[in-house]
């Protein structure tokens, strides 16, 4: 019953209009990691509908964002379906590059999507993106290190308390510095250190400390006491040698590789890498780590930078019904289930029921914990960056200054004030004031 409900949507779209026979649907998609596994099902869609699908561009999230912005600005869009993201889509609305989608999906078709995930793709009363999968950050930590009796004894001797998984960012900082062991090539922690990857990590700690990125009037507010504390933690960890010296050049794949190479004691990471981390052929820490909810800050808030990968339809599309049909196929129950088996946190409630049941039947306690904790975080800790077109431009202003603070080239408060002034000018010029 569930599968029948979820896989017929794309046929409905085809039947409602013209046949898809002879139509080519052109796509700009994300590639790399396990993202491409979904596309292996496209021949089935082509066989069942008569349409052809051509992927004209593949790149990572930042590469495809740059392509979309360039193409929308230049009016050179020659594709129908685009990868999209909750952090990015507001820019494409502002550049008039994508279309609202609520008229192409019925309430019944949308019902199976997790409401909070679906809602993170809404703005100005419209639904702009259809979710593929989402992610939220969790604390990953090495059980072989935390449970080592010698490590535990040394921690107790130094601090007078038992070593435990950090529940606050203050504890995180202390434990990270303690667990750093250059003789073994172990760093206490790490963060992705450039572009939006760094801004987002700062953002989630800022929120946990009780701060906010923008206030209710869209004025920058990250240069608050909470912001200073957040960035000071990053700086102090880096200056203490508790993070790799090359951190300011890292993005997602770099930190993931450090983790599977056994260099890191604990860090915050997306659930989406779980399958890679547990693959004994690729990971030295497979079976040697656990996950926990992210630490709280002074605001009594658990961090949880979150977002959804999604699909949108370009305004330039000449085959909107066909584009809708493809997105419905790519987000149906079967494709969502396949992505869930790869470790992604998918958007359909029905798939969650299936995979949690399977995990319990298998007796894989870590998998059950991973899924149930992800559900908890999705309901309580899921925080997207501000849904405003200026988020990424603001990040481009802020992250080099965050890097300078980490490296000791700028003082925390002075650097954040400088960034806030530039971001306020950016938002002002966009007409928000």
Protein backbone atom coordinates (compact mmCIF):
# COMPACT_ATOMS: atom_id res chain seq x y z
CA UNK A 1 0.00 0.00 0.00
CA UNK A 2 2.77 2.43 0.90
CA UNK A 3 4.80 1.65 -2.21
CA UNK A 4 1.73 1.90 -4.42
CA UNK A 5 0.91 5.33 -3.02
CA UNK A 6 4.38 6.66 -3.54
CA UNK A 7 5.46 5.44 -6.94
CA UNK A 8 2.40 6.41 -8.97
CA UNK A 9 2.75 10.17 -8.74
CA UNK A 10 4.96 10.56 -11.78
CA UNK A 11 2.58 8.46 -13.91
CA UNK A 12 -0.28 10.70 -12.81
CA UNK A 13 1.58 13.77 -14.06
CA UNK A 14 2.27 12.15 -17.41
CA UNK A 15 -1.31 10.98 -17.83
CA UNK A 16 -2.73 14.39 -16.91
CA UNK A 17 -1.04 16.12 -19.86
CA UNK A 18 0.83 15.15 -22.97
CA UNK A 19 2.70 11.88 -23.36
CA UNK A 20 6.35 12.07 -22.35
CA UNK A 21 7.35 10.13 -25.46
CA UNK A 22 10.02 12.06 -27.34
CA UNK A 23 10.62 14.58 -24.55
CA UNK A 24 14.14 15.09 -23.21
CA UNK A 25 14.37 16.30 -19.61
CA UNK A 26 17.64 18.09 -19.00
CA UNK A 27 19.05 18.18 -15.46
CA UNK A 28 21.77 19.85 -13.40
CA UNK A 29 22.48 17.52 -10.50
CA UNK A 30 24.79 17.09 -7.56
CA UNK A 31 27.46 14.40 -7.92
CA UNK A 32 30.11 12.74 -5.79
CA UNK A 33 29.94 10.56 -2.68
CA UNK A 34 26.79 8.40 -2.84
CA UNK A 35 24.65 11.09 -4.46
CA UNK A 36 24.86 9.43 -7.85
CA UNK A 37 23.34 6.13 -6.79
CA UNK A 38 19.82 7.51 -7.28
CA UNK A 39 20.49 8.29 -10.91
CA UNK A 40 20.99 4.59 -11.68
CA UNK A 41 17.20 4.24 -11.54
CA UNK A 42 16.63 6.78 -14.32
CA UNK A 43 16.52 4.14 -17.11
CA UNK A 44 13.45 2.68 -15.38
CA UNK A 45 11.75 6.08 -15.55
CA UNK A 46 12.69 6.39 -19.21
CA UNK A 47 11.31 2.93 -19.98
CA UNK A 48 8.02 3.57 -18.19
CA UNK A 49 7.36 7.07 -19.52
CA UNK A 50 9.08 7.23 -22.91
CA UNK A 51 11.00 10.34 -21.84
CA UNK A 52 14.76 10.71 -22.02
CA UNK A 53 16.79 12.20 -19.21
CA UNK A 54 20.04 14.02 -19.90
CA UNK A 55 22.25 15.12 -17.01
CA UNK A 56 24.02 18.14 -18.46
CA UNK A 57 25.97 19.08 -15.34
CA UNK A 58 27.26 17.36 -12.21
CA UNK A 59 29.18 19.02 -9.40
CA UNK A 60 29.36 19.37 -5.66
CA UNK A 61 26.94 21.68 -3.87
CA UNK A 62 29.10 24.79 -4.15
CA UNK A 63 29.91 24.15 -7.81
CA UNK A 64 26.29 23.69 -8.80
CA UNK A 65 25.24 26.74 -6.78
CA UNK A 66 27.73 28.86 -8.73
CA UNK A 67 26.46 27.43 -12.00
CA UNK A 68 22.82 28.09 -11.16
CA UNK A 69 23.49 31.67 -10.06
CA UNK A 70 25.54 32.34 -13.20
CA UNK A 71 22.98 30.79 -15.53
CA UNK A 72 20.01 32.52 -13.89
CA UNK A 73 21.75 35.90 -14.07
CA UNK A 74 22.83 35.44 -17.68
CA UNK A 75 19.60 33.87 -18.89
CA UNK A 76 21.48 30.83 -20.18
CA UNK A 77 19.51 28.08 -18.43
CA UNK A 78 19.09 25.11 -20.75
CA UNK A 79 17.84 22.51 -18.24
CA UNK A 80 14.54 21.70 -16.58
CA UNK A 81 15.33 20.12 -13.20
CA UNK A 82 18.00 21.34 -10.81
CA UNK A 83 19.47 20.09 -7.58
CA UNK A 84 18.56 22.53 -4.87
CA UNK A 85 19.06 23.05 -1.16
CA UNK A 86 17.32 24.80 1.72
CA UNK A 87 20.39 27.00 2.19
CA UNK A 88 20.43 28.08 -1.44
CA UNK A 89 16.94 28.24 -2.94
CA UNK A 90 16.05 31.71 -1.66
CA UNK A 91 18.71 33.17 -3.97
CA UNK A 92 17.11 31.48 -6.95
CA UNK A 93 13.69 32.87 -6.01
CA UNK A 94 15.16 36.37 -5.92
CA UNK A 95 16.79 35.90 -9.33
CA UNK A 96 13.48 34.57 -10.71
CA UNK A 97 15.15 31.33 -11.69
CA UNK A 98 12.77 28.68 -10.27
CA UNK A 99 9.00 28.24 -10.15
CA UNK A 100 6.57 27.53 -7.28
CA UNK A 101 5.58 23.87 -7.12
CA UNK A 102 2.47 23.65 -4.93
CA UNK A 103 0.11 23.44 -7.92
CA UNK A 104 1.89 20.35 -9.27
CA UNK A 105 1.61 18.19 -6.13
CA UNK A 106 -1.62 17.25 -4.39
CA UNK A 107 -1.97 17.31 -0.61
CA UNK A 108 -2.11 13.52 -0.72
CA UNK A 109 1.18 13.37 -2.59
CA UNK A 110 2.86 15.68 -0.08
CA UNK A 111 1.41 13.98 3.00
CA UNK A 112 4.15 11.35 3.26
CA UNK A 113 6.93 13.97 3.50
CA UNK A 114 8.06 14.95 7.01
CA UNK A 115 6.28 18.29 7.57
CA UNK A 116 9.24 20.17 9.04
CA UNK A 117 11.45 19.10 6.14
CA UNK A 118 8.85 20.07 3.58
CA UNK A 119 8.27 23.40 5.32
CA UNK A 120 11.96 24.30 5.11
CA UNK A 121 11.38 24.63 1.37
CA UNK A 122 8.55 27.13 1.72
CA UNK A 123 8.87 30.89 1.47
CA UNK A 124 6.44 33.73 0.76
CA UNK A 125 3.49 31.33 0.78
CA UNK A 126 4.91 29.02 -1.89
CA UNK A 127 6.59 25.62 -2.01
CA UNK A 128 9.78 25.97 -4.05
CA UNK A 129 11.66 22.70 -3.59
CA UNK A 130 10.72 19.03 -3.15
CA UNK A 131 12.86 17.24 -0.55
CA UNK A 132 15.17 14.40 -1.43
CA UNK A 133 16.85 13.88 1.92
CA UNK A 134 17.91 16.00 4.86
CA UNK A 135 20.74 16.09 7.31
CA UNK A 136 21.43 17.41 10.77
CA UNK A 137 24.67 17.35 12.70
CA UNK A 138 25.41 14.90 15.48
CA UNK A 139 28.47 14.42 17.67
CA UNK A 140 30.62 11.50 16.52
CA UNK A 141 33.13 10.17 19.04
CA UNK A 142 35.65 7.34 19.21
CA UNK A 143 34.54 4.73 21.70
CA UNK A 144 37.97 3.08 21.68
CA UNK A 145 39.47 6.35 22.96
CA UNK A 146 36.74 7.33 25.40
CA UNK A 147 36.63 3.82 26.90
CA UNK A 148 40.41 3.40 27.17
CA UNK A 149 41.15 2.86 30.92
CA UNK A 150 44.47 4.68 30.67
CA UNK A 151 42.84 7.72 29.03
CA UNK A 152 40.08 7.68 31.61
CA UNK A 153 42.54 7.52 34.50
CA UNK A 154 44.62 10.42 33.17
CA UNK A 155 41.52 12.55 32.67
CA UNK A 156 40.33 11.81 36.21
CA UNK A 157 43.74 12.68 37.59
CA UNK A 158 43.87 15.97 35.66
CA UNK A 159 40.33 17.23 36.17
CA UNK A 160 38.99 15.28 39.12
CA UNK A 161 35.95 14.10 37.17
CA UNK A 162 35.19 11.11 34.98
CA UNK A 163 35.72 11.37 31.24
CA UNK A 164 32.37 11.44 29.46
CA UNK A 165 30.91 12.42 26.14
CA UNK A 166 30.59 16.24 26.21
CA UNK A 167 27.13 17.58 26.88
CA UNK A 168 28.09 21.27 26.63
CA UNK A 169 30.41 23.18 24.32
CA UNK A 170 32.55 24.11 27.31
CA UNK A 171 33.06 20.41 28.03
CA UNK A 172 33.68 19.81 24.33
CA UNK A 173 36.52 22.31 24.33
CA UNK A 174 38.14 20.84 27.45
CA UNK A 175 37.86 17.24 26.28
CA UNK A 176 39.09 18.06 22.76
CA UNK A 177 42.27 19.64 24.07
CA UNK A 178 42.83 16.79 26.51
CA UNK A 179 42.41 14.04 23.90
CA UNK A 180 44.86 15.61 21.46
CA UNK A 181 47.90 13.34 21.28
CA UNK A 182 50.51 14.40 18.70
CA UNK A 183 52.60 11.29 19.42
CA UNK A 184 49.75 9.16 18.06
CA UNK A 185 48.69 11.58 15.35
CA UNK A 186 45.37 12.20 17.11
CA UNK A 187 43.65 15.59 17.13
CA UNK A 188 40.88 16.17 19.64
CA UNK A 189 38.50 17.56 17.06
CA UNK A 190 38.12 19.35 13.70
CA UNK A 191 35.69 21.46 11.72
CA UNK A 192 35.30 22.17 8.04
CA UNK A 193 37.20 25.42 7.78
CA UNK A 194 36.16 27.47 4.75
CA UNK A 195 33.19 28.79 2.77
CA UNK A 196 29.68 28.12 4.07
CA UNK A 197 31.01 25.00 5.78
CA UNK A 198 32.79 27.17 8.35
CA UNK A 199 30.02 29.77 8.61
CA UNK A 200 27.50 27.04 9.31
CA UNK A 201 29.56 25.46 12.07
CA UNK A 202 29.92 28.87 13.67
CA UNK A 203 26.18 29.43 13.21
CA UNK A 204 25.13 26.30 15.08
CA UNK A 205 27.41 27.00 18.05
CA UNK A 206 26.19 30.61 18.04
CA UNK A 207 22.58 29.37 18.30
CA UNK A 208 23.49 26.94 21.09
CA UNK A 209 25.09 29.78 23.04
CA UNK A 210 21.81 31.70 22.84
CA UNK A 211 22.69 33.99 19.93
CA UNK A 212 21.23 34.55 16.49
CA UNK A 213 22.63 35.37 13.07
CA UNK A 214 20.07 38.06 12.19
CA UNK A 215 17.64 39.81 14.52
CA UNK A 216 13.93 40.22 13.74
CA UNK A 217 14.71 43.23 11.55
CA UNK A 218 17.37 41.37 9.52
CA UNK A 219 20.18 43.26 11.23
CA UNK A 220 23.32 41.15 11.79
CA UNK A 221 23.40 39.91 15.39
CA UNK A 222 26.26 37.39 15.31
CA UNK A 223 28.72 39.87 16.85
CA UNK A 224 27.02 39.43 20.22
CA UNK A 225 28.47 37.99 23.41
CA UNK A 226 27.26 34.57 22.24
CA UNK A 227 29.02 35.01 18.90
CA UNK A 228 32.26 36.06 20.55
CA UNK A 229 32.16 33.03 22.82
CA UNK A 230 31.47 30.70 19.89
CA UNK A 231 34.31 31.94 17.69
CA UNK A 232 36.68 32.13 20.67
CA UNK A 233 36.15 28.42 21.22
CA UNK A 234 37.13 27.74 17.62
CA UNK A 235 40.19 29.95 17.95
CA UNK A 236 41.30 28.44 21.26
CA UNK A 237 40.99 24.89 19.92
CA UNK A 238 42.99 25.77 16.83
CA UNK A 239 45.67 27.68 18.74
CA UNK A 240 45.98 24.78 21.24
CA UNK A 241 46.76 22.39 18.39
CA UNK A 242 43.58 20.42 19.07
CA UNK A 243 42.59 20.73 15.40
CA UNK A 244 44.65 19.93 12.29
CA UNK A 245 46.72 22.89 11.07
CA UNK A 246 45.27 22.62 7.56
CA UNK A 247 41.72 23.00 8.81
CA UNK A 248 41.10 26.34 7.12
CA UNK A 249 41.30 24.60 3.73
CA UNK A 250 38.91 21.76 4.62
CA UNK A 251 35.39 21.17 3.35
CA UNK A 252 33.16 18.15 3.88
CA UNK A 253 35.11 15.37 2.19
CA UNK A 254 38.35 16.49 3.85
CA UNK A 255 37.06 16.21 7.40
CA UNK A 256 35.37 12.90 6.60
CA UNK A 257 38.65 11.49 5.31
CA UNK A 258 40.47 12.60 8.46
CA UNK A 259 37.87 10.79 10.53
CA UNK A 260 38.03 7.49 8.63
CA UNK A 261 41.83 7.69 8.73
CA UNK A 262 41.65 7.61 12.52
CA UNK A 263 43.09 11.10 13.11
CA UNK A 264 40.18 12.61 15.07
CA UNK A 265 38.84 11.79 18.56
CA UNK A 266 35.44 13.44 18.11
CA UNK A 267 33.71 16.02 15.94
CA UNK A 268 30.32 17.14 14.70
CA UNK A 269 29.30 15.58 11.43
CA UNK A 270 26.31 14.90 9.21
CA UNK A 271 24.55 11.55 9.47
CA UNK A 272 24.84 11.15 5.71
CA UNK A 273 28.43 9.89 6.01
CA UNK A 274 27.45 7.01 8.29
CA UNK A 275 27.67 4.25 5.69
CA UNK A 276 31.15 5.41 4.67
CA UNK A 277 32.28 5.57 8.29
CA UNK A 278 31.06 2.05 9.00
CA UNK A 279 32.59 0.50 5.88
CA UNK A 280 35.60 -1.52 7.10
CA UNK A 281 37.13 -1.38 3.62
CA UNK A 282 37.24 2.43 3.71
CA UNK A 283 37.29 3.33 7.38
CA UNK A 284 39.76 2.63 10.15
CA UNK A 285 37.15 3.62 12.73
CA UNK A 286 34.38 1.28 11.57
CA UNK A 287 32.88 -0.27 14.69
CA UNK A 288 34.92 2.04 16.92
CA UNK A 289 32.66 5.05 17.24
CA UNK A 290 29.28 6.12 18.54
CA UNK A 291 27.05 9.15 18.11
CA UNK A 292 25.42 11.57 20.52
CA UNK A 293 23.20 14.61 20.42
CA UNK A 294 25.23 17.76 19.88
CA UNK A 295 26.33 19.76 22.93
CA UNK A 296 24.32 22.58 24.46
CA UNK A 297 25.64 26.09 24.96
CA UNK A 298 24.83 28.77 27.51
CA UNK A 299 21.46 29.23 25.82
CA UNK A 300 20.44 25.73 26.91
CA UNK A 301 19.98 24.85 23.24
CA UNK A 302 21.28 21.79 21.44
CA UNK A 303 23.07 22.70 18.25
CA UNK A 304 21.81 21.21 15.03
CA UNK A 305 22.77 22.89 11.78
CA UNK A 306 20.41 21.27 9.32
CA UNK A 307 19.21 21.40 5.76
CA UNK A 308 17.61 19.45 2.98
CA UNK A 309 18.82 18.40 -0.44
CA UNK A 310 16.01 18.83 -2.90
CA UNK A 311 14.90 19.35 -6.48
CA UNK A 312 13.50 22.45 -8.15
CA UNK A 313 12.19 23.28 -11.60
CA UNK A 314 13.67 26.14 -13.57
CA UNK A 315 11.50 28.94 -14.93
CA UNK A 316 13.17 28.36 -18.29
CA UNK A 317 11.85 24.78 -18.50
CA UNK A 318 9.77 24.08 -21.58
CA UNK A 319 8.74 20.67 -20.19
CA UNK A 320 7.37 21.43 -16.72
CA UNK A 321 4.99 18.43 -16.59
CA UNK A 322 7.83 16.11 -17.55
CA UNK A 323 10.12 17.75 -14.98
CA UNK A 324 7.43 17.22 -12.32
CA UNK A 325 7.12 13.58 -13.34
CA UNK A 326 10.88 13.04 -13.00
CA UNK A 327 11.02 14.64 -9.55
CA UNK A 328 8.08 12.51 -8.38
CA UNK A 329 9.91 9.43 -9.59
CA UNK A 330 13.21 10.41 -8.00
CA UNK A 331 11.51 11.03 -4.65
CA UNK A 332 9.16 8.05 -4.64
CA UNK A 333 9.15 5.39 -1.94
CA UNK A 334 11.53 3.03 -3.75
CA UNK A 335 14.19 5.67 -4.42
CA UNK A 336 13.88 7.04 -0.90
CA UNK A 337 14.26 3.55 0.53
CA UNK A 338 17.38 2.95 -1.56
CA UNK A 339 18.90 6.22 -0.36
CA UNK A 340 18.01 5.37 3.25
CA UNK A 341 19.93 2.10 2.90
CA UNK A 342 22.96 4.18 1.88
CA UNK A 343 22.70 6.07 5.17
CA UNK A 344 20.86 9.22 4.06
CA UNK A 345 18.08 10.67 6.22
CA UNK A 346 15.25 10.61 3.72
CA UNK A 347 12.17 12.80 3.67
CA UNK A 348 9.37 10.21 3.56
CA UNK A 349 7.77 9.15 6.85
CA UNK A 350 6.79 5.76 5.44
CA UNK A 351 10.43 4.92 4.68
CA UNK A 352 11.42 5.79 8.25
CA UNK A 353 8.86 3.30 9.55
CA UNK A 354 10.38 0.63 7.34
CA UNK A 355 14.05 1.21 8.10
CA UNK A 356 13.63 1.55 11.87
CA UNK A 357 11.68 -1.72 11.87
CA UNK A 358 14.42 -3.39 9.83
CA UNK A 359 17.14 -2.07 12.15
CA UNK A 360 15.35 -3.44 15.21
CA UNK A 361 14.89 -6.82 13.56
CA UNK A 362 18.59 -6.93 12.64
CA UNK A 363 19.73 -6.31 16.21
CA UNK A 364 22.08 -3.53 15.06
CA UNK A 365 21.89 -1.33 18.15
CA UNK A 366 24.00 1.49 16.71
CA UNK A 367 21.81 1.68 13.63
CA UNK A 368 18.67 1.82 15.78
CA UNK A 369 20.26 4.55 17.91
CA UNK A 370 21.32 6.50 14.81
CA UNK A 371 17.84 6.49 13.35
CA UNK A 372 15.97 7.24 16.55
CA UNK A 373 18.36 10.04 17.48
CA UNK A 374 18.06 11.53 14.00
CA UNK A 375 14.28 11.55 14.43
CA UNK A 376 14.64 13.31 17.78
CA UNK A 377 16.97 15.92 16.33
CA UNK A 378 14.71 16.37 13.32
CA UNK A 379 11.85 17.26 15.67
CA UNK A 380 13.79 19.39 18.18
CA UNK A 381 17.23 20.43 16.86
CA UNK A 382 16.59 20.96 13.12
CA UNK A 383 17.74 24.50 12.36
CA UNK A 384 18.33 25.68 8.83
CA UNK A 385 20.35 28.81 8.20
CA UNK A 386 18.20 31.93 7.78
CA UNK A 387 15.91 31.51 4.77
CA UNK A 388 17.08 34.65 3.06
CA UNK A 389 18.85 35.14 -0.25
CA UNK A 390 21.69 36.95 1.50
CA UNK A 391 22.72 33.93 3.61
CA UNK A 392 25.44 32.75 1.24
CA UNK A 393 26.69 36.24 0.32
CA UNK A 394 26.81 36.97 4.05
CA UNK A 395 28.76 33.75 4.55
CA UNK A 396 31.24 34.84 1.89
CA UNK A 397 31.85 37.99 3.92
CA UNK A 398 32.03 36.25 7.28
CA UNK A 399 34.04 33.08 6.70
CA UNK A 400 37.38 34.76 5.76
CA UNK A 401 37.11 36.79 8.96
CA UNK A 402 36.36 33.65 10.97
CA UNK A 403 39.47 32.10 9.42
CA UNK A 404 41.53 35.14 10.40
CA UNK A 405 40.27 34.85 13.98
CA UNK A 406 41.17 31.15 14.06
CA UNK A 407 44.66 31.92 12.82
CA UNK A 408 45.11 34.63 15.44
CA UNK A 409 45.21 37.46 12.90
CA UNK A 410 42.09 39.19 14.24
CA UNK A 411 40.58 39.56 17.69
CA UNK A 412 37.17 37.84 18.02
CA UNK A 413 35.02 40.87 18.86
CA UNK A 414 36.75 43.22 16.44
CA UNK A 415 36.56 40.68 13.63
CA UNK A 416 32.86 39.94 14.17
CA UNK A 417 32.07 43.66 14.34
CA UNK A 418 33.85 44.16 11.03
CA UNK A 419 31.89 41.32 9.44
CA UNK A 420 28.58 42.56 10.89
CA UNK A 421 29.13 46.01 9.42
CA UNK A 422 29.77 44.55 5.96
CA UNK A 423 26.80 42.18 6.17
CA UNK A 424 24.51 45.01 7.27
CA UNK A 425 25.55 46.97 4.20
CA UNK A 426 24.86 43.92 2.03
CA UNK A 427 21.37 43.41 3.44
CA UNK A 428 20.62 47.14 3.29
CA UNK A 429 21.54 47.28 -0.39
CA UNK A 430 19.18 44.33 -0.95
CA UNK A 431 16.33 46.53 0.30
CA UNK A 432 15.61 44.93 3.67
CA UNK A 433 15.76 48.22 5.60
